[in-house]
């Protein structure tokens, strides 16, 4: 029998976390559940969820003790007959969590980032009293919540974001896409698919590309994504003399088509990262990856096994790894093949949905 689930998200942006909330909501609906999303009015997630035919409930989530938001969420829970609330960020975790407790329905709290948490009453309250289970987007995040936050191991489950293998499959149109983008067959095309936030490491990657060019590597960089760092990145591209070598493509819905045109996908995050969505997506398409040993990224990228890992905030190390990929294309393909096998075994979207649904069922055994 289907459940009536309310997801909550306070962000008004559109990145990996928000994409995951909507995609998983659509998948849960296809499995017979009724799913609604409470999110800010005029937010990207509200528009995207509405376009997918999901029920959307506009709520202004404010930081702190938000009595108006609590009342809104409580009305929504009762009006829609919600049986379980799934929260995703701090403000909505407090507001919707309190509302759910008042309504007497269980709560699942997701932890998407590897941002440090501090041991104390607020952490225990929001991840304990206001959550019956915590879904961590990777084992590293789970371990951190236990060790640094002092949380109960048995209440936390690691469920990384999954890859839709139907969308992210090896494709043959890479050369055509490269021509559309003005890229030559001999160009070494590096890509990054991420929201333009400082900690994603775009600036480090630009420094590494400058060094690659100095080494004589015919590097071209595709930056896929939008975000608050756009102006500063454009300035850095100009300052480094990279205008002819870097394309900022903005947000794209057809990410697989762009990844298929890349020789390598890089994610040089400096902090906060979970297991990533872009890296498993690239490996699902048998595209080589380079990443930093940050957060949950080593769960996807085993150094010299499924890709290359480098230290964060180190352009020289990143340049060396990318130069190796360029100089050793056959071995890079073998790394990508092994990464592809790992993704198929451990990071499929179907596995993510099945494990999430199992958490819900555990909290509602009579349903």
Protein backbone atom coordinates (compact mmCIF):
# COMPACT_ATOMS: atom_id res chain seq x y z
CA UNK A 1 0.00 0.00 0.00
CA UNK A 2 1.31 3.45 -0.91
CA UNK A 3 2.41 5.95 1.70
CA UNK A 4 1.63 9.67 1.90
CA UNK A 5 5.01 11.42 2.12
CA UNK A 6 5.94 15.08 2.54
CA UNK A 7 9.44 16.18 1.51
CA UNK A 8 10.62 19.58 2.73
CA UNK A 9 13.44 21.76 1.34
CA UNK A 10 14.20 25.37 2.26
CA UNK A 11 16.65 26.09 -0.60
CA UNK A 12 15.49 28.23 -3.51
CA UNK A 13 18.40 27.11 -5.73
CA UNK A 14 18.77 24.18 -8.11
CA UNK A 15 21.73 21.89 -7.54
CA UNK A 16 22.46 18.27 -6.77
CA UNK A 17 20.50 18.20 -3.52
CA UNK A 18 17.37 19.75 -4.98
CA UNK A 19 17.60 17.60 -8.10
CA UNK A 20 17.83 14.52 -5.91
CA UNK A 21 14.74 15.49 -3.89
CA UNK A 22 12.62 15.92 -7.02
CA UNK A 23 13.96 12.85 -8.85
CA UNK A 24 13.43 10.59 -5.85
CA UNK A 25 9.95 12.02 -5.27
CA UNK A 26 8.99 11.20 -8.85
CA UNK A 27 10.40 7.68 -8.46
CA UNK A 28 8.53 7.14 -5.19
CA UNK A 29 5.32 8.25 -6.86
CA UNK A 30 5.90 5.68 -9.61
CA UNK A 31 6.06 3.03 -6.88
CA UNK A 32 2.56 3.89 -5.71
CA UNK A 33 3.25 6.52 -3.05
CA UNK A 34 1.64 9.96 -2.83
CA UNK A 35 4.38 12.58 -2.57
CA UNK A 36 4.25 16.33 -1.91
CA UNK A 37 7.10 18.82 -1.54
CA UNK A 38 6.98 21.83 0.80
CA UNK A 39 9.41 24.49 -0.43
CA UNK A 40 9.75 28.29 -0.80
CA UNK A 41 7.39 30.12 -3.15
CA UNK A 42 9.00 31.03 -6.50
CA UNK A 43 11.86 28.60 -5.83
CA UNK A 44 13.43 26.48 -8.54
CA UNK A 45 12.46 23.29 -6.76
CA UNK A 46 8.82 24.37 -6.60
CA UNK A 47 8.74 25.03 -10.34
CA UNK A 48 10.60 21.83 -11.21
CA UNK A 49 8.47 19.68 -8.92
CA UNK A 50 5.30 21.24 -10.31
CA UNK A 51 6.46 20.54 -13.86
CA UNK A 52 6.82 16.87 -12.88
CA UNK A 53 3.21 16.85 -11.65
CA UNK A 54 4.14 16.65 -7.97
CA UNK A 55 2.02 18.37 -5.34
CA UNK A 56 3.83 21.50 -4.13
CA UNK A 57 3.14 23.38 -0.92
CA UNK A 58 4.66 26.90 -0.74
CA UNK A 59 6.27 27.52 2.67
CA UNK A 60 8.66 30.27 3.75
CA UNK A 61 11.18 28.36 5.89
CA UNK A 62 13.03 30.71 8.23
CA UNK A 63 16.01 29.98 10.42
CA UNK A 64 15.35 29.68 14.12
CA UNK A 65 12.07 28.92 15.85
CA UNK A 66 9.58 29.74 13.09
CA UNK A 67 6.08 29.54 14.54
CA UNK A 68 4.39 30.63 11.29
CA UNK A 69 6.25 27.96 9.32
CA UNK A 70 5.45 25.32 11.93
CA UNK A 71 1.77 26.20 11.66
CA UNK A 72 1.92 26.03 7.84
CA UNK A 73 3.58 22.64 7.89
CA UNK A 74 1.20 21.30 10.53
CA UNK A 75 -1.80 22.35 8.41
CA UNK A 76 -0.25 20.72 5.34
CA UNK A 77 0.41 17.47 7.20
CA UNK A 78 -3.17 17.29 8.42
CA UNK A 79 -4.79 18.52 5.20
CA UNK A 80 -2.90 16.03 3.01
CA UNK A 81 -3.06 13.12 5.44
CA UNK A 82 0.74 12.92 5.53
CA UNK A 83 2.09 9.76 7.16
CA UNK A 84 5.83 10.58 7.05
CA UNK A 85 7.88 13.77 6.74
CA UNK A 86 11.32 13.75 5.09
CA UNK A 87 13.41 16.89 5.74
CA UNK A 88 16.53 17.91 3.83
CA UNK A 89 18.10 21.15 5.17
CA UNK A 90 18.53 22.75 8.57
CA UNK A 91 15.70 25.37 8.56
CA UNK A 92 13.06 22.98 7.23
CA UNK A 93 14.37 20.20 9.51
CA UNK A 94 13.54 22.36 12.53
CA UNK A 95 10.26 23.74 11.25
CA UNK A 96 8.79 20.65 9.60
CA UNK A 97 10.32 18.39 12.24
CA UNK A 98 8.49 20.19 15.04
CA UNK A 99 5.28 20.19 13.01
CA UNK A 100 5.59 16.45 12.40
CA UNK A 101 6.14 15.80 16.09
CA UNK A 102 2.99 17.80 16.90
CA UNK A 103 1.10 15.78 14.29
CA UNK A 104 2.49 12.48 15.59
CA UNK A 105 4.07 11.32 12.30
CA UNK A 106 7.61 9.93 11.89
CA UNK A 107 10.44 12.01 10.46
CA UNK A 108 13.41 11.11 8.24
CA UNK A 109 16.22 13.67 8.06
CA UNK A 110 18.66 13.63 5.16
CA UNK A 111 22.22 14.87 5.53
CA UNK A 112 23.49 15.69 2.04
CA UNK A 113 26.78 17.50 2.78
CA UNK A 114 29.94 16.65 4.66
CA UNK A 115 29.96 20.05 6.38
CA UNK A 116 31.24 19.51 9.94
CA UNK A 117 28.70 19.18 12.74
CA UNK A 118 29.42 19.99 16.36
CA UNK A 119 28.58 17.86 19.34
CA UNK A 120 25.92 19.63 21.41
CA UNK A 121 22.25 19.85 22.23
CA UNK A 122 21.22 21.41 18.90
CA UNK A 123 22.76 18.53 16.91
CA UNK A 124 21.20 15.95 19.22
CA UNK A 125 17.85 17.71 19.01
CA UNK A 126 17.56 18.14 15.23
CA UNK A 127 19.08 14.72 14.37
CA UNK A 128 17.59 12.91 17.36
CA UNK A 129 14.42 14.36 18.83
CA UNK A 130 13.28 15.73 15.46
CA UNK A 131 14.27 12.67 13.41
CA UNK A 132 13.49 8.98 13.76
CA UNK A 133 16.07 8.08 11.10
CA UNK A 134 18.88 9.98 9.38
CA UNK A 135 19.84 9.25 5.78
CA UNK A 136 23.47 10.21 5.16
CA UNK A 137 24.61 10.66 1.55
CA UNK A 138 27.61 8.41 2.05
CA UNK A 139 29.44 6.40 4.68
CA UNK A 140 31.88 9.24 5.45
CA UNK A 141 28.98 11.49 6.40
CA UNK A 142 27.45 8.77 8.56
CA UNK A 143 30.76 8.22 10.35
CA UNK A 144 31.16 11.96 10.95
CA UNK A 145 27.67 12.27 12.43
CA UNK A 146 28.47 9.43 14.82
CA UNK A 147 32.00 10.49 15.78
CA UNK A 148 31.73 14.29 15.78
CA UNK A 149 28.02 14.66 16.48
CA UNK A 150 27.72 11.91 19.04
CA UNK A 151 24.66 10.46 17.31
CA UNK A 152 23.27 6.94 17.61
CA UNK A 153 24.76 4.68 14.94
CA UNK A 154 21.60 2.58 14.70
CA UNK A 155 19.49 5.59 13.68
CA UNK A 156 21.68 6.51 10.69
CA UNK A 157 21.80 4.78 7.31
CA UNK A 158 24.13 5.61 4.40
CA UNK A 159 22.28 5.97 1.09
CA UNK A 160 24.31 7.75 -1.62
CA UNK A 161 22.60 9.43 -4.55
CA UNK A 162 21.99 6.95 -7.34
CA UNK A 163 22.59 7.13 -11.08
CA UNK A 164 19.85 6.55 -13.62
CA UNK A 165 21.67 4.13 -15.91
CA UNK A 166 19.13 4.68 -18.66
CA UNK A 167 20.04 8.39 -18.91
CA UNK A 168 23.72 8.12 -18.09
CA UNK A 169 24.87 5.44 -20.50
CA UNK A 170 27.88 5.39 -22.84
CA UNK A 171 27.00 7.28 -26.02
CA UNK A 172 28.43 7.64 -29.50
CA UNK A 173 27.62 11.29 -30.25
CA UNK A 174 30.58 12.76 -28.38
CA UNK A 175 32.45 13.84 -31.54
CA UNK A 176 29.36 15.60 -32.90
CA UNK A 177 28.84 17.48 -29.63
CA UNK A 178 32.51 18.48 -29.61
CA UNK A 179 32.14 19.94 -33.08
CA UNK A 180 29.05 21.88 -31.97
CA UNK A 181 31.13 23.36 -29.16
CA UNK A 182 34.05 24.21 -31.44
CA UNK A 183 36.32 21.56 -29.94
CA UNK A 184 38.86 19.66 -32.01
CA UNK A 185 39.35 15.91 -32.09
CA UNK A 186 42.83 16.31 -30.58
CA UNK A 187 41.70 18.64 -27.77
CA UNK A 188 41.89 17.22 -24.25
CA UNK A 189 38.43 18.15 -22.95
CA UNK A 190 38.06 18.41 -19.19
CA UNK A 191 34.64 19.06 -17.70
CA UNK A 192 33.18 20.00 -14.35
CA UNK A 193 29.47 19.60 -13.64
CA UNK A 194 28.59 21.42 -10.44
CA UNK A 195 26.82 24.42 -9.01
CA UNK A 196 29.17 27.40 -9.10
CA UNK A 197 29.98 27.49 -5.40
CA UNK A 198 33.40 28.35 -4.00
CA UNK A 199 33.95 24.95 -2.37
CA UNK A 200 33.35 23.00 -5.58
CA UNK A 201 36.90 23.92 -6.62
CA UNK A 202 36.32 25.67 -9.95
CA UNK A 203 39.04 28.22 -9.19
CA UNK A 204 41.54 25.45 -8.43
CA UNK A 205 40.63 23.75 -11.68
CA UNK A 206 41.22 26.95 -13.64
CA UNK A 207 44.71 27.23 -12.14
CA UNK A 208 45.37 23.59 -13.08
CA UNK A 209 44.20 24.17 -16.66
CA UNK A 210 46.57 27.14 -16.94
CA UNK A 211 49.42 24.85 -15.85
CA UNK A 212 48.28 22.14 -18.31
CA UNK A 213 48.50 24.63 -21.17
CA UNK A 214 51.97 25.68 -20.01
CA UNK A 215 52.96 22.00 -20.29
CA UNK A 216 51.77 21.94 -23.89
CA UNK A 217 48.59 19.91 -23.27
CA UNK A 218 45.83 21.08 -25.67
CA UNK A 219 43.38 21.46 -22.80
CA UNK A 220 39.85 22.78 -23.08
CA UNK A 221 37.57 23.18 -20.08
CA UNK A 222 33.77 22.94 -20.07
CA UNK A 223 32.10 24.40 -16.97
CA UNK A 224 28.54 23.12 -16.68
CA UNK A 225 26.39 24.75 -14.00
CA UNK A 226 25.19 28.06 -12.66
CA UNK A 227 25.55 29.71 -9.29
CA UNK A 228 26.82 32.56 -7.14
CA UNK A 229 30.47 32.31 -8.23
CA UNK A 230 29.82 33.01 -11.91
CA UNK A 231 31.12 36.60 -11.96
CA UNK A 232 34.27 35.81 -10.00
CA UNK A 233 35.03 32.79 -12.22
CA UNK A 234 34.60 34.83 -15.39
CA UNK A 235 37.04 37.38 -14.01
CA UNK A 236 39.55 34.66 -13.11
CA UNK A 237 39.26 33.15 -16.59
CA UNK A 238 40.07 36.55 -18.07
CA UNK A 239 42.89 37.25 -15.61
CA UNK A 240 44.54 33.90 -16.40
CA UNK A 241 44.23 34.44 -20.15
CA UNK A 242 41.97 31.40 -20.52
CA UNK A 243 39.11 32.95 -22.47
CA UNK A 244 39.88 30.94 -25.60
CA UNK A 245 40.24 27.71 -23.63
CA UNK A 246 37.23 27.72 -21.25
CA UNK A 247 33.52 27.64 -21.98
CA UNK A 248 31.01 28.45 -19.25
CA UNK A 249 27.88 26.65 -20.44
CA UNK A 250 25.54 27.49 -17.58
CA UNK A 251 22.89 25.10 -16.30
CA UNK A 252 21.96 22.29 -18.68
CA UNK A 253 19.23 19.69 -18.35
CA UNK A 254 20.90 17.43 -20.93
CA UNK A 255 24.01 16.71 -18.88
CA UNK A 256 24.65 13.25 -20.38
CA UNK A 257 25.13 14.76 -23.84
CA UNK A 258 27.81 17.12 -22.52
CA UNK A 259 29.59 14.50 -20.40
CA UNK A 260 29.77 12.31 -23.50
CA UNK A 261 31.90 14.98 -25.18
CA UNK A 262 34.45 15.06 -22.34
CA UNK A 263 37.69 13.13 -21.99
CA UNK A 264 37.71 13.57 -18.23
CA UNK A 265 35.36 14.89 -15.54
CA UNK A 266 36.98 16.67 -12.59
CA UNK A 267 35.55 17.54 -9.20
CA UNK A 268 38.27 19.29 -7.15
CA UNK A 269 36.02 20.07 -4.17
CA UNK A 270 37.69 21.65 -1.15
CA UNK A 271 35.06 20.73 1.48
CA UNK A 272 31.40 19.81 2.11
CA UNK A 273 31.14 17.20 -0.65
CA UNK A 274 29.21 13.95 -0.20
CA UNK A 275 29.60 11.10 -2.69
CA UNK A 276 28.71 13.46 -5.56
CA UNK A 277 26.25 12.88 -8.36
CA UNK A 278 28.48 14.05 -11.21
CA UNK A 279 31.28 11.52 -10.64
CA UNK A 280 29.08 8.39 -10.64
CA UNK A 281 27.23 9.81 -13.65
CA UNK A 282 30.51 10.21 -15.55
CA UNK A 283 31.65 6.71 -14.62
CA UNK A 284 28.28 5.30 -15.66
CA UNK A 285 29.11 6.76 -19.08
CA UNK A 286 32.66 5.31 -18.94
CA UNK A 287 34.26 8.75 -18.76
CA UNK A 288 37.42 9.01 -16.62
CA UNK A 289 37.31 11.07 -13.41
CA UNK A 290 39.68 13.03 -11.19
CA UNK A 291 38.56 14.16 -7.74
CA UNK A 292 39.85 15.33 -4.39
CA UNK A 293 40.04 13.19 -1.28
CA UNK A 294 37.26 15.17 0.40
CA UNK A 295 34.11 14.01 2.20
CA UNK A 296 32.53 11.02 0.52
CA UNK A 297 34.34 11.30 -2.83
CA UNK A 298 36.80 8.46 -2.02
CA UNK A 299 33.77 6.16 -1.72
CA UNK A 300 33.27 6.58 -5.46
CA UNK A 301 36.83 7.22 -6.64
CA UNK A 302 39.48 4.79 -5.45
CA UNK A 303 42.85 6.23 -6.40
CA UNK A 304 44.39 4.47 -9.39
CA UNK A 305 41.51 1.98 -9.40
CA UNK A 306 38.32 3.80 -10.49
CA UNK A 307 39.91 7.21 -11.07
CA UNK A 308 42.54 9.52 -9.62
CA UNK A 309 42.41 11.27 -6.24
CA UNK A 310 44.43 14.36 -5.35
CA UNK A 311 44.77 16.60 -2.32
CA UNK A 312 42.29 19.49 -2.18
CA UNK A 313 43.24 23.08 -3.04
CA UNK A 314 46.36 21.90 -4.86
CA UNK A 315 46.42 23.05 -8.51
CA UNK A 316 49.80 21.43 -9.17
CA UNK A 317 48.58 17.99 -8.03
CA UNK A 318 45.38 18.40 -10.02
CA UNK A 319 47.37 19.41 -13.09
CA UNK A 320 49.61 16.36 -12.71
CA UNK A 321 46.60 14.02 -12.51
CA UNK A 322 44.96 15.57 -15.57
CA UNK A 323 48.23 15.49 -17.50
CA UNK A 324 48.53 11.78 -16.68
CA UNK A 325 45.01 11.20 -18.02
CA UNK A 326 45.99 12.96 -21.24
CA UNK A 327 49.25 11.06 -21.63
CA UNK A 328 47.75 7.65 -20.78
CA UNK A 329 44.38 7.40 -22.52
CA UNK A 330 44.28 3.59 -22.56
CA UNK A 331 44.90 3.34 -18.81
CA UNK A 332 42.41 6.17 -18.21
CA UNK A 333 39.81 4.12 -20.09
CA UNK A 334 40.59 1.10 -17.88
CA UNK A 335 40.04 3.21 -14.76
CA UNK A 336 36.72 4.38 -16.17
CA UNK A 337 35.71 0.80 -16.96
CA UNK A 338 36.36 -0.26 -13.37
CA UNK A 339 34.48 2.80 -12.14
CA UNK A 340 31.59 1.88 -14.42
CA UNK A 341 31.43 -1.58 -12.84
CA UNK A 342 31.42 -0.08 -9.33
CA UNK A 343 28.61 2.32 -10.19
CA UNK A 344 26.50 -0.50 -11.60
CA UNK A 345 27.10 -2.54 -8.44
CA UNK A 346 26.73 0.15 -5.78
CA UNK A 347 25.33 3.47 -7.04
CA UNK A 348 22.24 2.82 -9.14
CA UNK A 349 19.15 4.96 -8.76
CA UNK A 350 17.03 1.85 -8.26
CA UNK A 351 19.11 0.81 -5.24
CA UNK A 352 18.80 4.31 -3.76
CA UNK A 353 15.01 4.28 -4.05
CA UNK A 354 14.67 0.74 -2.70
CA UNK A 355 16.80 1.55 0.34
CA UNK A 356 14.98 4.83 0.99
CA UNK A 357 11.61 3.11 0.75
CA UNK A 358 12.86 0.45 3.18
CA UNK A 359 13.62 3.18 5.74
CA UNK A 360 10.08 4.52 5.35
CA UNK A 361 8.57 1.05 5.75
CA UNK A 362 10.61 0.41 8.87
CA UNK A 363 9.09 3.51 10.48
CA UNK A 364 5.56 2.60 9.33
CA UNK A 365 5.45 -1.20 9.77
CA UNK A 366 1.66 -1.34 9.79
CA UNK A 367 1.46 0.33 6.38
